[in-house]
PDB file of N, CA and C in Angstrom:
ATOM      1  N   MET A   1     -23.019 -41.419 -15.426  1.00  0.00           N
ATOM      2  CA  MET A   1     -23.919 -41.553 -14.301  1.00  0.00           C
ATOM      3  C   MET A   1     -23.906 -42.999 -13.806  1.00  0.00           C
ATOM      4  N   GLN A   2     -23.832 -43.173 -12.483  1.00  0.00           N
ATOM      5  CA  GLN A   2     -23.785 -44.515 -11.908  1.00  0.00           C
ATOM      6  C   GLN A   2     -25.177 -45.088 -11.721  1.00  0.00           C
ATOM      7  N   ARG A   3     -25.241 -46.387 -11.766  1.00  0.00           N
ATOM      8  CA  ARG A   3     -26.488 -47.059 -11.437  1.00  0.00           C
ATOM      9  C   ARG A   3     -26.637 -47.103  -9.925  1.00  0.00           C
ATOM     10  N   ILE A   4     -27.857 -47.300  -9.462  1.00  0.00           N
ATOM     11  CA  ILE A   4     -28.122 -47.323  -8.025  1.00  0.00           C
ATOM     12  C   ILE A   4     -27.324 -48.422  -7.343  1.00  0.00           C
ATOM     13  N   ALA A   5     -27.279 -49.612  -7.925  1.00  0.00           N
ATOM     14  CA  ALA A   5     -26.552 -50.732  -7.316  1.00  0.00           C
ATOM     15  C   ALA A   5     -25.068 -50.411  -7.163  1.00  0.00           C
ATOM     16  N   GLU A   6     -24.481 -49.738  -8.139  1.00  0.00           N
ATOM     17  CA  GLU A   6     -23.072 -49.363  -8.044  1.00  0.00           C
ATOM     18  C   GLU A   6     -22.858 -48.336  -6.941  1.00  0.00           C
ATOM     19  N   SER A   7     -23.750 -47.380  -6.827  1.00  0.00           N
ATOM     20  CA  SER A   7     -23.637 -46.363  -5.787  1.00  0.00           C
ATOM     21  C   SER A   7     -23.774 -46.972  -4.400  1.00  0.00           C
ATOM     22  N   VAL A   8     -24.722 -47.886  -4.236  1.00  0.00           N
ATOM     23  CA  VAL A   8     -24.905 -48.553  -2.944  1.00  0.00           C
ATOM     24  C   VAL A   8     -23.678 -49.395  -2.614  1.00  0.00           C
ATOM     25  N   GLY A   9     -23.146 -50.093  -3.593  1.00  0.00           N
ATOM     26  CA  GLY A   9     -21.939 -50.885  -3.376  1.00  0.00           C
ATOM     27  C   GLY A   9     -20.756 -50.018  -2.977  1.00  0.00           C
ATOM     28  N   ASP A  10     -20.599 -48.870  -3.630  1.00  0.00           N
ATOM     29  CA  ASP A  10     -19.524 -47.943  -3.274  1.00  0.00           C
ATOM     30  C   ASP A  10     -19.683 -47.454  -1.840  1.00  0.00           C
ATOM     31  N   TRP A  11     -20.926 -47.150  -1.440  1.00  0.00           N
ATOM     32  CA  TRP A  11     -21.185 -46.710  -0.073  1.00  0.00           C
ATOM     33  C   TRP A  11     -20.905 -47.837   0.916  1.00  0.00           C
ATOM     34  N   TYR A  12     -21.393 -49.030   0.637  1.00  0.00           N
ATOM     35  CA  TYR A  12     -21.280 -50.153   1.574  1.00  0.00           C
ATOM     36  C   TYR A  12     -19.831 -50.568   1.786  1.00  0.00           C
ATOM     37  N   PHE A  13     -19.058 -50.594   0.726  1.00  0.00           N
ATOM     38  CA  PHE A  13     -17.675 -51.044   0.823  1.00  0.00           C
ATOM     39  C   PHE A  13     -16.680 -49.889   0.969  1.00  0.00           C
ATOM     40  N   ASP A  14     -17.182 -48.674   1.246  1.00  0.00           N
ATOM     41  CA  ASP A  14     -16.334 -47.484   1.443  1.00  0.00           C
ATOM     42  C   ASP A  14     -15.367 -47.255   0.294  1.00  0.00           C
ATOM     43  N   ARG A  15     -15.840 -47.457  -0.928  1.00  0.00           N
ATOM     44  CA  ARG A  15     -14.983 -47.247  -2.092  1.00  0.00           C
ATOM     45  C   ARG A  15     -14.934 -45.792  -2.516  1.00  0.00           C
ATOM     46  N   GLU A  16     -15.970 -45.035  -2.219  1.00  0.00           N
ATOM     47  CA  GLU A  16     -16.024 -43.623  -2.585  1.00  0.00           C
ATOM     48  C   GLU A  16     -16.781 -42.852  -1.515  1.00  0.00           C
ATOM     49  N   ASN A  17     -16.596 -41.539  -1.521  1.00  0.00           N
ATOM     50  CA  ASN A  17     -17.367 -40.697  -0.619  1.00  0.00           C
ATOM     51  C   ASN A  17     -18.821 -40.687  -1.051  1.00  0.00           C
ATOM     52  N   VAL A  18     -19.693 -40.596  -0.079  1.00  0.00           N
ATOM     53  CA  VAL A  18     -21.127 -40.582  -0.353  1.00  0.00           C
ATOM     54  C   VAL A  18     -21.623 -39.150  -0.222  1.00  0.00           C
ATOM     55  N   LYS A  19     -22.406 -38.726  -1.187  1.00  0.00           N
ATOM     56  CA  LYS A  19     -22.975 -37.388  -1.145  1.00  0.00           C
ATOM     57  C   LYS A  19     -24.271 -37.425  -0.347  1.00  0.00           C
ATOM     58  N   ALA A  20     -24.433 -36.475   0.555  1.00  0.00           N
ATOM     59  CA  ALA A  20     -25.676 -36.353   1.306  1.00  0.00           C
ATOM     60  C   ALA A  20     -26.708 -35.689   0.403  1.00  0.00           C
ATOM     61  N   ILE A  21     -27.863 -36.312   0.273  1.00  0.00           N
ATOM     62  CA  ILE A  21     -28.886 -35.761  -0.614  1.00  0.00           C
ATOM     63  C   ILE A  21     -30.094 -35.248   0.150  1.00  0.00           C
ATOM     64  N   ASP A  22     -30.034 -35.300   1.461  1.00  0.00           N
ATOM     65  CA  ASP A  22     -31.162 -34.843   2.254  1.00  0.00           C
ATOM     66  C   ASP A  22     -30.637 -34.346   3.594  1.00  0.00           C
ATOM     67  N   CYS A  23     -31.476 -33.650   4.323  1.00  0.00           N
ATOM     68  CA  CYS A  23     -31.071 -33.183   5.642  1.00  0.00           C
ATOM     69  C   CYS A  23     -31.462 -34.216   6.702  1.00  0.00           C
ATOM     70  N   ARG A  24     -31.010 -34.009   7.920  1.00  0.00           N
ATOM     71  CA  ARG A  24     -31.306 -34.946   8.995  1.00  0.00           C
ATOM     72  C   ARG A  24     -32.789 -34.931   9.329  1.00  0.00           C
ATOM     73  N   TYR A  25     -33.312 -36.063   9.746  1.00  0.00           N
ATOM     74  CA  TYR A  25     -34.720 -36.179  10.118  1.00  0.00           C
ATOM     75  C   TYR A  25     -34.950 -35.540  11.457  1.00  0.00           C
ATOM     76  N   PRO A  26     -35.989 -34.855  11.724  1.00  0.00           N
ATOM     77  CA  PRO A  26     -36.899 -34.197  10.789  1.00  0.00           C
ATOM     78  C   PRO A  26     -36.345 -32.834  10.412  1.00  0.00           C
ATOM     79  N   CYS A  27     -36.184 -32.596   9.145  1.00  0.00           N
ATOM     80  CA  CYS A  27     -35.564 -31.345   8.714  1.00  0.00           C
ATOM     81  C   CYS A  27     -36.588 -30.258   8.388  1.00  0.00           C
ATOM     82  N   ASP A  28     -37.843 -30.625   8.315  1.00  0.00           N
ATOM     83  CA  ASP A  28     -38.872 -29.612   8.090  1.00  0.00           C
ATOM     84  C   ASP A  28     -40.139 -30.010   8.847  1.00  0.00           C
ATOM     85  N   ASN A  29     -41.170 -29.244   8.705  1.00  0.00           N
ATOM     86  CA  ASN A  29     -42.398 -29.483   9.472  1.00  0.00           C
ATOM     87  C   ASN A  29     -43.472 -30.190   8.664  1.00  0.00           C
ATOM     88  N   THR A  30     -43.096 -30.935   7.627  1.00  0.00           N
ATOM     89  CA  THR A  30     -44.096 -31.577   6.788  1.00  0.00           C
ATOM     90  C   THR A  30     -44.537 -32.933   7.312  1.00  0.00           C
ATOM     91  N   CYS A  31     -43.824 -33.495   8.275  1.00  0.00           N
ATOM     92  CA  CYS A  31     -44.190 -34.808   8.811  1.00  0.00           C
ATOM     93  C   CYS A  31     -45.298 -34.640   9.839  1.00  0.00           C
ATOM     94  N   HIS A  32     -46.436 -35.246   9.580  1.00  0.00           N
ATOM     95  CA  HIS A  32     -47.575 -35.110  10.485  1.00  0.00           C
ATOM     96  C   HIS A  32     -47.552 -36.141  11.612  1.00  0.00           C
ATOM     97  N   ASN A  33     -46.558 -37.029  11.644  1.00  0.00           N
ATOM     98  CA  ASN A  33     -46.481 -38.055  12.681  1.00  0.00           C
ATOM     99  C   ASN A  33     -45.503 -37.699  13.793  1.00  0.00           C
ATOM    100  N   LEU A  34     -45.029 -36.476  13.824  1.00  0.00           N
ATOM    101  CA  LEU A  34     -44.102 -36.078  14.877  1.00  0.00           C
ATOM    102  C   LEU A  34     -44.838 -35.962  16.204  1.00  0.00           C
ATOM    103  N   VAL A  35     -44.188 -36.387  17.271  1.00  0.00           N
ATOM    104  CA  VAL A  35     -44.773 -36.299  18.604  1.00  0.00           C
ATOM    105  C   VAL A  35     -44.357 -34.968  19.204  1.00  0.00           C
ATOM    106  N   ASP A  36     -45.334 -34.208  19.698  1.00  0.00           N
ATOM    107  CA  ASP A  36     -45.028 -32.926  20.332  1.00  0.00           C
ATOM    108  C   ASP A  36     -44.282 -33.168  21.627  1.00  0.00           C
ATOM    109  N   LYS A  37     -43.280 -32.338  21.865  1.00  0.00           N
ATOM    110  CA  LYS A  37     -42.471 -32.491  23.086  1.00  0.00           C
ATOM    111  C   LYS A  37     -43.070 -31.728  24.227  1.00  0.00           C
TER     112      LYS A  37
END
């Protein structure tokens, strides 16, 4: 398992592919600060 600093360094310097761990904002309706359109 990698440390956070190593993972960030790999992402920043394009040394490895980065895994997406979340969906695009806003991906669900739990945010109460969304502005109604």
